[in-house]
């Protein structure tokens, strides 16, 4: 896929490249980012160069991982990073599922930037990629990430046991999903939800 850029009222969402290595490296020195995400710790300049120079461009070329840097339209400062990864094969195949992940730079937290970006990335995924289910998960206890997901519109689905490995131990994760129907949108594949109350069909 050709890389795309998106805009919101306050943000420019664009693919990261080698010129962004300094900004990404600086943001990821905040210990809260590797604590709650898969970002390596300690986060070196080499990690930033690998991420912006190879991983991000390769994901777009492979149509497998779409990483965006979130930049303030006012001053061009990096306020976060957001990625959408395909699940169960190519996103355009019948499964049409993806997973959303993100981190926010320390100085930009509490301003609603990440939820603003998340709504735009999910809109793009539904409209341009044909996604029919977008998943989110974070280590149980990550209240900040959960709050963002809820603001985007994700519906919490429960706790996944032993989902995440951190500091050599397995941790539980909170999980949620966003469907087009949550935003009153139609999907190419009909959705038949399981009824909340099902009668006893055996009698």
Protein backbone atom coordinates (compact mmCIF):
# COMPACT_ATOMS: atom_id res chain seq x y z
CA UNK A 1 0.00 0.00 0.00
CA UNK A 2 1.11 3.55 -0.69
CA UNK A 3 1.59 5.42 2.61
CA UNK A 4 -1.16 7.88 3.46
CA UNK A 5 -1.42 10.88 5.76
CA UNK A 6 -4.51 11.84 7.74
CA UNK A 7 -5.53 15.03 9.49
CA UNK A 8 -7.73 15.96 12.43
CA UNK A 9 -8.55 19.34 13.92
CA UNK A 10 -5.25 19.47 15.81
CA UNK A 11 -3.06 16.74 14.35
CA UNK A 12 -1.25 15.55 11.26
CA UNK A 13 -0.99 11.77 11.18
CA UNK A 14 1.74 10.73 8.77
CA UNK A 15 3.99 7.71 8.21
CA UNK A 16 7.20 7.85 10.20
CA UNK A 17 10.54 7.96 8.40
CA UNK A 18 14.27 8.19 9.15
CA UNK A 19 14.07 11.95 9.82
CA UNK A 20 11.81 11.22 12.81
CA UNK A 21 14.33 9.06 14.66
CA UNK A 22 15.43 11.86 17.01
CA UNK A 23 11.88 12.71 18.07
CA UNK A 24 10.90 9.07 18.58
CA UNK A 25 14.07 8.36 20.55
CA UNK A 26 13.49 11.36 22.81
CA UNK A 27 9.85 10.45 23.50
CA UNK A 28 10.67 6.84 24.34
CA UNK A 29 13.10 7.83 27.08
CA UNK A 30 10.02 8.23 29.28
CA UNK A 31 9.94 4.97 31.32
CA UNK A 32 6.13 4.84 31.18
CA UNK A 33 6.21 4.01 27.46
CA UNK A 34 8.26 0.78 27.68
CA UNK A 35 6.47 -0.07 30.94
CA UNK A 36 3.09 -0.35 29.23
CA UNK A 37 3.97 -1.09 25.59
CA UNK A 38 6.25 -3.37 23.59
CA UNK A 39 8.84 -0.59 23.14
CA UNK A 40 12.30 -1.90 24.18
CA UNK A 41 13.94 -0.72 27.39
CA UNK A 42 16.40 0.90 27.47
CA UNK A 43 15.38 2.54 24.18
CA UNK A 44 18.47 3.37 22.16
CA UNK A 45 19.08 5.56 19.16
CA UNK A 46 19.55 2.35 17.16
CA UNK A 47 16.04 1.21 18.16
CA UNK A 48 14.61 4.50 16.91
CA UNK A 49 16.51 4.27 13.63
CA UNK A 50 15.35 0.68 13.09
CA UNK A 51 11.74 1.59 13.83
CA UNK A 52 11.53 4.73 11.69
CA UNK A 53 13.93 3.67 8.94
CA UNK A 54 12.97 0.04 8.37
CA UNK A 55 9.96 -1.26 10.35
CA UNK A 56 7.57 1.58 9.54
CA UNK A 57 8.28 1.81 5.78
CA UNK A 58 8.33 -1.98 5.45
CA UNK A 59 4.93 -2.30 7.09
CA UNK A 60 3.36 0.02 4.53
CA UNK A 61 5.08 -1.77 1.65
CA UNK A 62 3.89 -5.16 2.92
CA UNK A 63 0.34 -3.89 3.57
CA UNK A 64 0.69 -5.39 7.04
CA UNK A 65 1.42 -2.62 9.56
CA UNK A 66 0.41 1.00 9.23
CA UNK A 67 2.36 3.20 11.66
CA UNK A 68 1.58 6.89 12.02
CA UNK A 69 3.47 9.59 13.85
CA UNK A 70 1.05 11.98 15.52
CA UNK A 71 2.25 15.55 15.02
CA UNK A 72 0.76 18.80 16.28
CA UNK A 73 -0.48 20.89 13.38
CA UNK A 74 0.36 23.99 15.38
CA UNK A 75 4.09 23.44 15.87
CA UNK A 76 4.97 20.10 14.22
CA UNK A 77 5.95 18.45 17.51
CA UNK A 78 5.61 14.66 17.81
CA UNK A 79 2.89 13.96 20.38
CA UNK A 80 2.60 10.20 19.94
CA UNK A 81 2.63 7.16 17.71
CA UNK A 82 -0.21 4.93 16.53
CA UNK A 83 -0.13 1.66 14.64
CA UNK A 84 -2.76 -0.47 12.96
CA UNK A 85 -1.71 -4.06 12.28
CA UNK A 86 -3.61 -6.58 10.20
CA UNK A 87 -4.75 -9.79 11.91
CA UNK A 88 -5.25 -13.28 10.50
CA UNK A 89 -3.67 -12.48 7.16
CA UNK A 90 -4.26 -9.63 4.76
CA UNK A 91 -6.72 -7.05 6.02
CA UNK A 92 -8.51 -7.10 2.68
CA UNK A 93 -9.21 -10.85 2.98
CA UNK A 94 -12.59 -12.00 4.38
CA UNK A 95 -11.38 -11.83 7.99
CA UNK A 96 -10.96 -8.04 7.75
CA UNK A 97 -9.63 -7.64 11.28
CA UNK A 98 -6.95 -5.34 12.68
CA UNK A 99 -5.44 -4.29 15.99
CA UNK A 100 -4.83 -0.72 17.16
CA UNK A 101 -1.92 0.26 19.39
CA UNK A 102 -0.49 3.59 20.52
CA UNK A 103 1.68 5.57 22.89
CA UNK A 104 1.60 9.24 23.85
CA UNK A 105 4.59 11.46 24.58
CA UNK A 106 4.76 12.52 28.21
CA UNK A 107 4.29 16.23 27.54
CA UNK A 108 1.20 15.60 25.40
CA UNK A 109 -0.80 13.43 27.80
CA UNK A 110 -4.15 14.54 29.11
CA UNK A 111 -4.96 16.68 26.06
CA UNK A 112 -7.06 14.19 24.11
CA UNK A 113 -4.61 13.88 21.21
CA UNK A 114 -4.46 10.09 21.12
CA UNK A 115 -8.23 9.59 21.20
CA UNK A 116 -8.56 12.20 18.45
CA UNK A 117 -6.04 10.32 16.34
CA UNK A 118 -7.59 6.96 17.17
CA UNK A 119 -11.00 7.99 15.89
CA UNK A 120 -9.45 9.13 12.62
CA UNK A 121 -7.34 5.99 12.14
CA UNK A 122 -10.36 3.76 12.85
CA UNK A 123 -12.50 5.79 10.43
CA UNK A 124 -9.80 5.30 7.78
CA UNK A 125 -9.64 1.58 8.53
CA UNK A 126 -13.39 1.17 8.17
CA UNK A 127 -13.79 3.33 5.07
CA UNK A 128 -10.58 2.74 3.11
CA UNK A 129 -9.37 -0.67 4.26
CA UNK A 130 -12.76 -2.33 4.74
CA UNK A 131 -11.98 -3.36 8.32
CA UNK A 132 -14.89 -5.08 10.05
CA UNK A 133 -13.37 -5.49 13.52
CA UNK A 134 -10.61 -3.51 15.23
CA UNK A 135 -9.16 -4.92 18.43
CA UNK A 136 -7.37 -3.21 21.31
CA UNK A 137 -5.65 -4.70 24.32
CA UNK A 138 -3.36 -3.46 27.06
CA UNK A 139 -1.91 -4.85 30.25
CA UNK A 140 -4.56 -4.91 32.97
CA UNK A 141 -4.04 -1.81 35.06
CA UNK A 142 -3.15 0.46 32.15
CA UNK A 143 -5.89 2.95 32.92
CA UNK A 144 -4.57 5.56 30.49
CA UNK A 145 -4.72 3.29 27.45
CA UNK A 146 -8.13 2.01 28.47
CA UNK A 147 -9.46 5.55 28.83
CA UNK A 148 -8.28 6.39 25.31
CA UNK A 149 -9.88 3.25 23.88
CA UNK A 150 -13.18 4.09 25.54
CA UNK A 151 -13.08 7.63 24.15
CA UNK A 152 -12.49 6.24 20.66
CA UNK A 153 -15.55 4.03 21.09
CA UNK A 154 -14.10 0.61 21.86
CA UNK A 155 -16.35 -1.75 23.79
CA UNK A 156 -14.58 -3.56 26.62
CA UNK A 157 -14.89 -7.32 26.26
CA UNK A 158 -13.09 -8.60 29.33
CA UNK A 159 -9.74 -9.78 30.63
CA UNK A 160 -7.37 -12.04 28.70
CA UNK A 161 -5.43 -14.20 31.12
CA UNK A 162 -1.65 -14.45 30.77
CA UNK A 163 -1.68 -12.48 27.49
CA UNK A 164 1.36 -10.22 27.96
CA UNK A 165 4.91 -10.98 29.06
CA UNK A 166 6.58 -8.14 30.97
CA UNK A 167 9.74 -8.32 33.08
CA UNK A 168 9.85 -12.09 32.73
CA UNK A 169 6.30 -12.71 33.97
CA UNK A 170 3.01 -13.26 32.20
CA UNK A 171 0.36 -10.60 32.84
CA UNK A 172 -3.35 -10.33 32.23
CA UNK A 173 -4.65 -7.91 29.61
CA UNK A 174 -7.79 -5.87 29.18
CA UNK A 175 -9.35 -6.29 25.75
CA UNK A 176 -11.91 -4.46 23.67
CA UNK A 177 -13.12 -4.12 20.11
CA UNK A 178 -14.64 -1.56 17.79
CA UNK A 179 -17.09 -2.63 15.09
CA UNK A 180 -18.52 -0.53 12.27
CA UNK A 181 -21.93 -1.08 13.83
CA UNK A 182 -20.71 0.73 16.98
CA UNK A 183 -20.55 3.81 14.76
CA UNK A 184 -23.82 3.01 12.93
CA UNK A 185 -21.88 1.82 9.87
CA UNK A 186 -22.70 -1.12 7.64
CA UNK A 187 -20.26 -3.94 6.83
CA UNK A 188 -19.81 -6.11 3.79
CA UNK A 189 -20.16 -9.22 5.96
CA UNK A 190 -23.44 -9.37 7.91
CA UNK A 191 -23.07 -9.52 11.69
CA UNK A 192 -25.29 -11.79 13.77
CA UNK A 193 -24.59 -11.05 17.46
CA UNK A 194 -25.27 -13.71 20.05
CA UNK A 195 -28.41 -12.71 21.96
CA UNK A 196 -27.89 -11.66 25.57
CA UNK A 197 -30.67 -13.97 26.75
CA UNK A 198 -31.20 -17.26 24.97
CA UNK A 199 -34.11 -19.55 25.75
CA UNK A 200 -33.57 -23.21 26.53
CA UNK A 201 -33.86 -24.78 23.10
CA UNK A 202 -33.66 -28.28 24.54
CA UNK A 203 -37.22 -28.28 25.90
